[in-house]
């Protein structure tokens, strides 16, 4: 997809050509056997079909000459017996193209999952709780927007590259968060969506090895993703972090996260700036490496959240900082952080009353805790989270 988009400058046409090549392989390989270089065979087949299709498009003669010449020239792409040398660069280009600033964050996420992640429209629609037709229209509009904007299929440079990399990481993070803690619906989490985001983060870190924040994002998602299987019990009910069976945590994912975090740290030592993903990964590592909940170094976590609040201030960071301060220095300290958040921020979110309820419960103020848990349950759109909050209200006697 990446190489074909680079050559045709048309993401829809590239998708069609890639699918045609795969169909040809399914038809021919059972009879002829898998070629020695399958990727090169697919690329050559797709290029030939692209040339044929362009030649037939009489109404696009001018474009035919331009694109057809580019396809026929020696552009570095492989023939049947050559190696595929451009895949990594083209994959990175495709990620950046999918996260073009002319698209909305929702469209960026959908298009990234479709053309980079390879998910079907049905799978993406299910992940974001919209109809298949709605998601199909969203993806189609995104492709048309890129065409209208004449989006260049080249890696941006300088400040534009930094901005676009931030957009790419934000989209991958958005996808992961929706999979890790679903905004609404019946399921507490959607592991398939979260794991696809981890795969994209891993790919981005490999394709941008000199970017510490890319490694930080990869580390963060590996650490968080290691807990996916432990976040629900056998009955499907949510299980809070401190109650999870840590034997169910994915130790391979934790090792991957640790390695990615070390790579980011090595770049930081050389003077390359780090940011919010690195700091969040450092926080997540404190949880991942603690053998039990009681062994968590909450004071270190609180200090890291203080640093994160400086680097990337925002109400969600403050809510999590309140949790950390409440664990490290007592419920009163956590409530002080929470009370400083402007009431208008997160007004419709269950986050603030949920955390306030937890801090009240830890302080022995059970009636107030029950009231806050009920308020959080009223605000949430996720059925699993609502059941958890209502259970906690009952446990407080409310």
Protein backbone atom coordinates (compact mmCIF):
# COMPACT_ATOMS: atom_id res chain seq x y z
CA UNK A 1 0.00 0.00 0.00
CA UNK A 2 2.74 2.43 0.91
CA UNK A 3 4.81 1.86 -2.21
CA UNK A 4 1.78 1.93 -4.53
CA UNK A 5 0.51 5.16 -2.95
CA UNK A 6 3.94 6.71 -3.46
CA UNK A 7 3.85 5.83 -7.16
CA UNK A 8 0.21 6.56 -8.00
CA UNK A 9 -0.34 9.49 -5.60
CA UNK A 10 -3.85 8.09 -5.13
CA UNK A 11 -4.59 6.16 -1.94
CA UNK A 12 -7.85 4.68 -3.27
CA UNK A 13 -6.23 3.44 -6.47
CA UNK A 14 -3.31 2.02 -4.47
CA UNK A 15 -5.73 0.10 -2.25
CA UNK A 16 -7.52 -1.33 -5.31
CA UNK A 17 -4.25 -2.38 -6.96
CA UNK A 18 -3.00 -4.04 -3.77
CA UNK A 19 -6.24 -6.00 -3.47
CA UNK A 20 -6.07 -7.03 -7.15
CA UNK A 21 -2.54 -8.34 -6.65
CA UNK A 22 -3.62 -10.37 -3.62
CA UNK A 23 -6.52 -11.86 -5.56
CA UNK A 24 -4.12 -12.80 -8.36
CA UNK A 25 -1.85 -14.51 -5.84
CA UNK A 26 -4.76 -16.49 -4.38
CA UNK A 27 -5.68 -17.62 -7.89
CA UNK A 28 -2.18 -18.48 -9.17
CA UNK A 29 -0.01 -19.55 -6.25
CA UNK A 30 -1.94 -22.76 -5.43
CA UNK A 31 -1.10 -23.96 -8.95
CA UNK A 32 2.37 -22.46 -9.48
CA UNK A 33 3.66 -22.42 -5.93
CA UNK A 34 4.70 -19.45 -3.79
CA UNK A 35 7.45 -17.47 -5.58
CA UNK A 36 10.84 -17.01 -4.02
CA UNK A 37 10.17 -13.33 -3.33
CA UNK A 38 6.42 -13.06 -2.67
CA UNK A 39 6.50 -9.34 -1.86
CA UNK A 40 8.27 -8.52 -5.12
CA UNK A 41 5.79 -10.69 -7.07
CA UNK A 42 2.88 -8.81 -5.52
CA UNK A 43 4.48 -5.43 -6.23
CA UNK A 44 5.26 -6.26 -9.84
CA UNK A 45 1.73 -7.60 -10.41
CA UNK A 46 0.19 -4.50 -8.86
CA UNK A 47 2.39 -2.20 -10.96
CA UNK A 48 1.42 -3.98 -14.18
CA UNK A 49 -2.26 -3.77 -13.31
CA UNK A 50 -1.81 -0.12 -12.49
CA UNK A 51 -0.29 0.56 -15.90
CA UNK A 52 -3.13 -1.34 -17.62
CA UNK A 53 -5.77 0.54 -15.64
CA UNK A 54 -4.20 3.92 -16.35
CA UNK A 55 -3.99 3.15 -20.08
CA UNK A 56 -7.72 2.36 -20.12
CA UNK A 57 -8.65 5.62 -18.42
CA UNK A 58 -9.16 7.69 -21.58
CA UNK A 59 -10.62 10.63 -19.66
CA UNK A 60 -7.45 10.89 -17.58
CA UNK A 61 -4.96 10.89 -20.47
CA UNK A 62 -2.85 13.69 -19.06
CA UNK A 63 -2.58 11.97 -15.70
CA UNK A 64 -1.87 8.70 -17.52
CA UNK A 65 1.25 10.11 -19.11
CA UNK A 66 2.54 11.47 -15.81
CA UNK A 67 1.81 8.48 -13.58
CA UNK A 68 2.40 5.82 -16.23
CA UNK A 69 5.86 7.23 -16.95
CA UNK A 70 6.64 7.14 -13.24
CA UNK A 71 5.52 3.52 -12.99
CA UNK A 72 7.57 2.40 -15.98
CA UNK A 73 10.73 4.26 -14.98
CA UNK A 74 13.34 2.61 -12.80
CA UNK A 75 11.97 4.00 -9.54
CA UNK A 76 13.80 1.67 -7.21
CA UNK A 77 10.87 -0.71 -6.78
CA UNK A 78 11.61 -4.40 -7.28
CA UNK A 79 11.07 -6.69 -10.21
CA UNK A 80 10.30 -10.35 -9.58
CA UNK A 81 13.80 -11.33 -8.51
CA UNK A 82 14.78 -8.14 -6.69
CA UNK A 83 14.59 -7.37 -2.99
CA UNK A 84 11.98 -5.05 -1.52
CA UNK A 85 14.08 -2.14 -0.25
CA UNK A 86 11.54 0.64 0.19
CA UNK A 87 8.91 -1.00 2.37
CA UNK A 88 10.00 0.61 5.64
CA UNK A 89 10.18 4.15 4.27
CA UNK A 90 6.89 3.71 2.44
CA UNK A 91 5.17 2.38 5.55
CA UNK A 92 6.29 5.45 7.48
CA UNK A 93 5.09 7.70 4.65
CA UNK A 94 1.73 5.96 4.71
CA UNK A 95 1.36 6.50 8.47
CA UNK A 96 2.15 10.20 8.05
CA UNK A 97 -0.25 10.47 5.10
CA UNK A 98 -3.06 8.85 7.12
CA UNK A 99 -2.49 11.43 9.86
CA UNK A 100 -2.54 14.44 7.53
CA UNK A 101 -3.50 17.71 9.30
CA UNK A 102 -6.39 18.26 6.87
CA UNK A 103 -8.23 15.34 8.51
CA UNK A 104 -10.08 15.30 11.83
CA UNK A 105 -8.60 13.15 14.64
CA UNK A 106 -11.45 10.64 14.20
CA UNK A 107 -10.80 10.37 10.46
CA UNK A 108 -7.07 10.01 11.02
CA UNK A 109 -7.67 7.11 13.40
CA UNK A 110 -10.09 5.38 11.03
CA UNK A 111 -7.88 5.81 7.96
CA UNK A 112 -4.76 4.66 9.85
CA UNK A 113 -6.51 1.49 10.97
CA UNK A 114 -7.76 0.87 7.43
CA UNK A 115 -4.71 1.48 5.27
CA UNK A 116 -1.86 0.87 7.74
CA UNK A 117 -3.43 -1.56 10.19
CA UNK A 118 -5.33 -3.49 7.53
CA UNK A 119 -8.53 -3.71 9.60
CA UNK A 120 -11.79 -4.03 7.71
CA UNK A 121 -14.39 -1.27 7.78
CA UNK A 122 -16.62 -3.59 9.83
CA UNK A 123 -13.90 -4.13 12.46
CA UNK A 124 -13.16 -0.41 12.75
CA UNK A 125 -16.85 0.44 13.03
CA UNK A 126 -17.28 -2.12 15.79
CA UNK A 127 -14.28 -0.72 17.65
CA UNK A 128 -15.65 2.83 17.64
CA UNK A 129 -19.31 1.85 18.08
CA UNK A 130 -20.65 3.32 14.86
CA UNK A 131 -22.46 1.67 11.97
CA UNK A 132 -20.47 0.12 9.14
CA UNK A 133 -21.99 2.58 6.66
CA UNK A 134 -21.04 5.55 8.85
CA UNK A 135 -17.47 4.34 9.17
CA UNK A 136 -17.29 3.57 5.44
CA UNK A 137 -18.37 7.12 4.66
CA UNK A 138 -15.85 8.51 7.14
CA UNK A 139 -12.99 6.60 5.52
CA UNK A 140 -14.18 7.51 2.01
CA UNK A 141 -14.39 11.20 2.91
CA UNK A 142 -10.91 11.05 4.41
CA UNK A 143 -9.48 9.67 1.17
CA UNK A 144 -11.27 12.34 -0.87
CA UNK A 145 -10.01 15.04 1.49
CA UNK A 146 -6.43 13.91 0.94
CA UNK A 147 -6.98 14.01 -2.82
CA UNK A 148 -8.56 17.47 -2.68
CA UNK A 149 -5.80 18.75 -0.41
CA UNK A 150 -3.23 17.31 -2.85
CA UNK A 151 -1.51 15.69 0.10
CA UNK A 152 2.12 14.93 -0.69
CA UNK A 153 3.22 11.36 -0.14
CA UNK A 154 6.58 12.42 1.22
CA UNK A 155 8.02 12.46 4.71
CA UNK A 156 7.73 15.98 6.13
CA UNK A 157 10.87 17.70 7.32
CA UNK A 158 11.83 20.16 10.05
CA UNK A 159 9.08 21.58 12.24
CA UNK A 160 6.39 20.06 10.01
CA UNK A 161 7.81 16.59 10.69
CA UNK A 162 7.73 17.22 14.44
CA UNK A 163 4.10 18.38 14.25
CA UNK A 164 3.07 15.46 12.09
CA UNK A 165 4.88 12.96 14.29
CA UNK A 166 2.92 14.31 17.24
CA UNK A 167 -0.29 13.78 15.23
CA UNK A 168 0.72 10.22 14.34
CA UNK A 169 1.48 9.35 17.96
CA UNK A 170 -1.74 11.00 19.15
CA UNK A 171 -3.77 8.85 16.73
CA UNK A 172 -2.07 5.64 17.84
CA UNK A 173 -2.61 6.64 21.48
CA UNK A 174 -6.28 7.40 20.75
CA UNK A 175 -6.74 3.96 19.19
CA UNK A 176 -5.08 2.27 22.17
CA UNK A 177 -7.13 4.16 24.75
CA UNK A 178 -10.38 3.28 23.02
CA UNK A 179 -9.32 -0.37 23.10
CA UNK A 180 -7.98 -0.29 26.66
CA UNK A 181 -10.97 1.47 28.25
CA UNK A 182 -13.92 1.70 25.88
CA UNK A 183 -15.76 5.01 25.94
CA UNK A 184 -19.15 3.35 25.73
CA UNK A 185 -20.89 0.06 25.06
CA UNK A 186 -21.09 -3.28 26.81
CA UNK A 187 -17.39 -4.14 26.92
CA UNK A 188 -14.96 -2.79 29.52
CA UNK A 189 -12.19 -3.06 26.92
CA UNK A 190 -11.63 -4.02 23.28
CA UNK A 191 -8.31 -5.90 23.34
CA UNK A 192 -8.09 -6.33 19.55
CA UNK A 193 -8.14 -2.56 19.05
CA UNK A 194 -5.55 -2.03 21.80
CA UNK A 195 -3.25 -4.71 20.37
CA UNK A 196 -3.47 -3.17 16.90
CA UNK A 197 -2.37 0.17 18.40
CA UNK A 198 0.58 -1.59 20.07
CA UNK A 199 1.56 -3.06 16.70
CA UNK A 200 1.40 0.39 15.08
CA UNK A 201 3.47 1.90 17.90
CA UNK A 202 6.05 -0.86 17.52
CA UNK A 203 6.20 -0.18 13.77
CA UNK A 204 6.56 3.58 14.29
CA UNK A 205 9.40 3.09 16.79
CA UNK A 206 11.21 0.83 14.30
CA UNK A 207 10.69 3.31 11.47
CA UNK A 208 11.74 6.37 13.52
CA UNK A 209 14.58 5.01 15.70
CA UNK A 210 15.96 8.45 16.53
CA UNK A 211 12.71 9.76 18.04
CA UNK A 212 12.64 9.14 21.82
CA UNK A 213 8.92 9.92 22.07
CA UNK A 214 8.17 7.15 19.53
CA UNK A 215 10.03 4.71 21.80
CA UNK A 216 8.26 6.23 24.80
CA UNK A 217 4.86 5.66 23.20
CA UNK A 218 5.82 2.09 22.30
CA UNK A 219 6.99 1.44 25.87
CA UNK A 220 3.84 2.96 27.36
CA UNK A 221 1.49 0.85 25.25
CA UNK A 222 3.47 -2.35 25.90
CA UNK A 223 3.35 -1.74 29.67
CA UNK A 224 -0.35 -0.87 29.66
CA UNK A 225 -1.20 -3.64 27.21
CA UNK A 226 0.53 -6.23 29.40
CA UNK A 227 -2.43 -5.94 31.78
CA UNK A 228 -5.21 -6.47 29.22
CA UNK A 229 -5.99 -10.08 30.15
CA UNK A 230 -6.00 -9.30 33.89
CA UNK A 231 -8.36 -6.32 33.64
CA UNK A 232 -11.46 -8.54 33.63
CA UNK A 233 -12.38 -11.53 35.74
CA UNK A 234 -13.74 -14.86 34.54
CA UNK A 235 -17.24 -13.39 34.60
CA UNK A 236 -16.12 -10.48 32.41
CA UNK A 237 -16.42 -7.95 35.25
CA UNK A 238 -13.75 -5.21 35.46
CA UNK A 239 -10.87 -5.72 37.88
CA UNK A 240 -9.05 -2.66 39.26
CA UNK A 241 -5.25 -2.41 39.04
CA UNK A 242 -4.55 -3.16 42.70
CA UNK A 243 -6.84 -6.22 42.63
CA UNK A 244 -5.42 -7.77 39.46
CA UNK A 245 -3.72 -11.16 39.40
CA UNK A 246 -0.25 -10.07 38.31
CA UNK A 247 0.58 -13.61 37.24
CA UNK A 248 -1.74 -12.93 34.30
CA UNK A 249 0.29 -9.93 33.18
CA UNK A 250 2.13 -10.47 29.89
CA UNK A 251 5.81 -10.65 30.86
CA UNK A 252 6.99 -10.53 27.24
CA UNK A 253 5.13 -7.24 26.75
CA UNK A 254 6.74 -5.88 29.93
CA UNK A 255 10.19 -6.84 28.62
CA UNK A 256 9.43 -5.14 25.32
CA UNK A 257 8.29 -2.05 27.18
CA UNK A 258 11.42 -2.03 29.30
CA UNK A 259 13.63 -2.29 26.20
CA UNK A 260 11.76 0.51 24.44
CA UNK A 261 12.01 2.75 27.52
CA UNK A 262 15.76 2.14 27.71
CA UNK A 263 16.11 3.17 24.06
CA UNK A 264 14.28 6.41 24.82
CA UNK A 265 16.50 6.98 27.87
CA UNK A 266 19.65 6.48 25.78
CA UNK A 267 18.47 9.14 23.33
CA UNK A 268 17.60 11.45 26.24
CA UNK A 269 21.12 11.05 27.66
CA UNK A 270 22.45 12.23 24.27
CA UNK A 271 20.40 15.38 24.61
CA UNK A 272 17.36 14.51 22.47
CA UNK A 273 14.28 16.03 24.19
CA UNK A 274 11.66 13.71 25.66
CA UNK A 275 8.05 14.48 26.48
CA UNK A 276 4.73 13.20 27.69
CA UNK A 277 4.90 9.67 26.27
CA UNK A 278 8.31 9.05 27.81
CA UNK A 279 7.09 10.29 31.19
CA UNK A 280 3.91 8.21 31.03
CA UNK A 281 5.97 5.16 30.09
CA UNK A 282 8.23 5.79 33.09
CA UNK A 283 5.12 5.89 35.29
CA UNK A 284 3.72 2.71 33.75
CA UNK A 285 7.04 0.95 34.31
CA UNK A 286 6.76 1.56 38.07
CA UNK A 287 3.52 -0.42 38.07
CA UNK A 288 4.71 -3.10 35.65
CA UNK A 289 7.88 -3.88 37.61
CA UNK A 290 6.23 -4.00 41.06
CA UNK A 291 5.69 -7.61 42.11
CA UNK A 292 2.63 -6.67 44.19
CA UNK A 293 0.40 -3.61 44.46
CA UNK A 294 1.87 -2.89 47.91
CA UNK A 295 5.39 -2.69 46.44
CA UNK A 296 4.48 0.13 44.02
CA UNK A 297 6.73 3.14 44.58
CA UNK A 298 3.90 5.68 44.73
CA UNK A 299 6.19 8.55 45.71
CA UNK A 300 8.21 8.03 42.53
CA UNK A 301 4.95 7.84 40.57
CA UNK A 302 3.76 11.09 42.15
CA UNK A 303 7.03 12.86 41.27
CA UNK A 304 6.74 11.67 37.66
CA UNK A 305 3.15 12.93 37.49
CA UNK A 306 4.36 16.30 38.79
CA UNK A 307 6.85 16.37 35.91
CA UNK A 308 4.15 15.30 33.44
CA UNK A 309 1.88 18.09 34.67
CA UNK A 310 4.65 20.54 33.78
CA UNK A 311 5.37 18.98 30.37
CA UNK A 312 1.79 18.34 29.27
CA UNK A 313 -0.69 20.08 31.57
CA UNK A 314 -4.33 19.08 31.39
CA UNK A 315 -7.27 17.95 33.52
CA UNK A 316 -6.81 14.22 32.86
CA UNK A 317 -3.19 14.45 33.98
CA UNK A 318 -4.35 16.25 37.13
CA UNK A 319 -6.89 13.52 37.91
CA UNK A 320 -4.18 10.88 37.66
CA UNK A 321 -1.82 13.08 39.67
CA UNK A 322 -4.48 13.21 42.39
CA UNK A 323 -4.57 9.40 42.48
CA UNK A 324 -0.77 9.24 42.78
CA UNK A 325 -0.60 11.89 45.52
CA UNK A 326 -3.45 10.17 47.36
CA UNK A 327 -1.51 6.90 47.41
CA UNK A 328 1.85 8.46 48.15
CA UNK A 329 0.94 11.07 50.77
CA UNK A 330 -2.58 10.25 51.92
CA UNK A 331 -6.16 10.92 50.73
CA UNK A 332 -6.10 14.58 51.84
CA UNK A 333 -3.18 15.30 49.52
CA UNK A 334 -4.97 13.65 46.61
CA UNK A 335 -8.19 15.57 47.30
CA UNK A 336 -6.23 18.85 47.35
CA UNK A 337 -4.97 18.15 43.82
CA UNK A 338 -8.42 17.10 42.67
CA UNK A 339 -10.15 20.15 44.16
CA UNK A 340 -7.83 22.45 42.19
CA UNK A 341 -9.24 21.20 38.86
CA UNK A 342 -11.72 23.81 37.49
CA UNK A 343 -15.29 22.43 37.78
CA UNK A 344 -15.95 23.08 34.10
CA UNK A 345 -13.15 20.68 33.10
CA UNK A 346 -14.33 17.09 32.64
CA UNK A 347 -17.83 18.23 33.68
CA UNK A 348 -19.52 15.26 31.98
CA UNK A 349 -16.78 12.71 32.65
CA UNK A 350 -16.92 10.05 35.37
CA UNK A 351 -13.21 10.56 36.11
CA UNK A 352 -13.40 13.26 38.79
CA UNK A 353 -16.25 11.79 40.91
CA UNK A 354 -14.80 8.30 40.48
CA UNK A 355 -11.39 9.34 41.85
CA UNK A 356 -12.97 11.54 44.52
CA UNK A 357 -15.05 8.56 45.64
CA UNK A 358 -11.94 6.41 45.89
CA UNK A 359 -10.11 9.05 47.95
CA UNK A 360 -13.12 9.50 50.24
CA UNK A 361 -13.31 5.73 50.73
CA UNK A 362 -9.61 5.58 51.66
CA UNK A 363 -10.21 8.37 54.16
CA UNK A 364 -13.11 6.43 55.73
CA UNK A 365 -15.72 8.94 54.52
CA UNK A 366 -17.98 6.19 53.18
CA UNK A 367 -21.24 8.10 52.73
CA UNK A 368 -19.50 10.79 50.67
CA UNK A 369 -17.64 8.08 48.74
CA UNK A 370 -20.88 6.27 47.89
CA UNK A 371 -22.43 9.52 46.63
CA UNK A 372 -19.42 10.19 44.37
CA UNK A 373 -19.40 6.64 42.99
CA UNK A 374 -23.11 6.94 42.15
CA UNK A 375 -22.47 10.24 40.38
CA UNK A 376 -19.62 8.67 38.38
CA UNK A 377 -21.87 5.73 37.46
CA UNK A 378 -24.50 8.16 36.22
CA UNK A 379 -21.99 9.88 33.95
CA UNK A 380 -20.33 6.89 32.31
CA UNK A 381 -21.47 5.47 28.98
CA UNK A 382 -19.68 2.16 29.47
CA UNK A 383 -21.78 -0.61 31.00
CA UNK A 384 -18.81 -2.42 32.55
CA UNK A 385 -17.54 0.73 34.22
CA UNK A 386 -21.04 1.55 35.46
CA UNK A 387 -21.36 -1.87 37.09
CA UNK A 388 -17.97 -1.42 38.77
CA UNK A 389 -18.85 2.02 40.14
CA UNK A 390 -22.24 0.86 41.41
CA UNK A 391 -20.56 -2.06 43.15
CA UNK A 392 -18.13 0.29 44.85
CA UNK A 393 -21.03 2.49 45.98
CA UNK A 394 -22.69 -0.56 47.55
CA UNK A 395 -19.45 -1.55 49.26
CA UNK A 396 -19.39 1.89 50.87
CA UNK A 397 -22.88 1.30 52.20
CA UNK A 398 -24.59 3.60 49.70
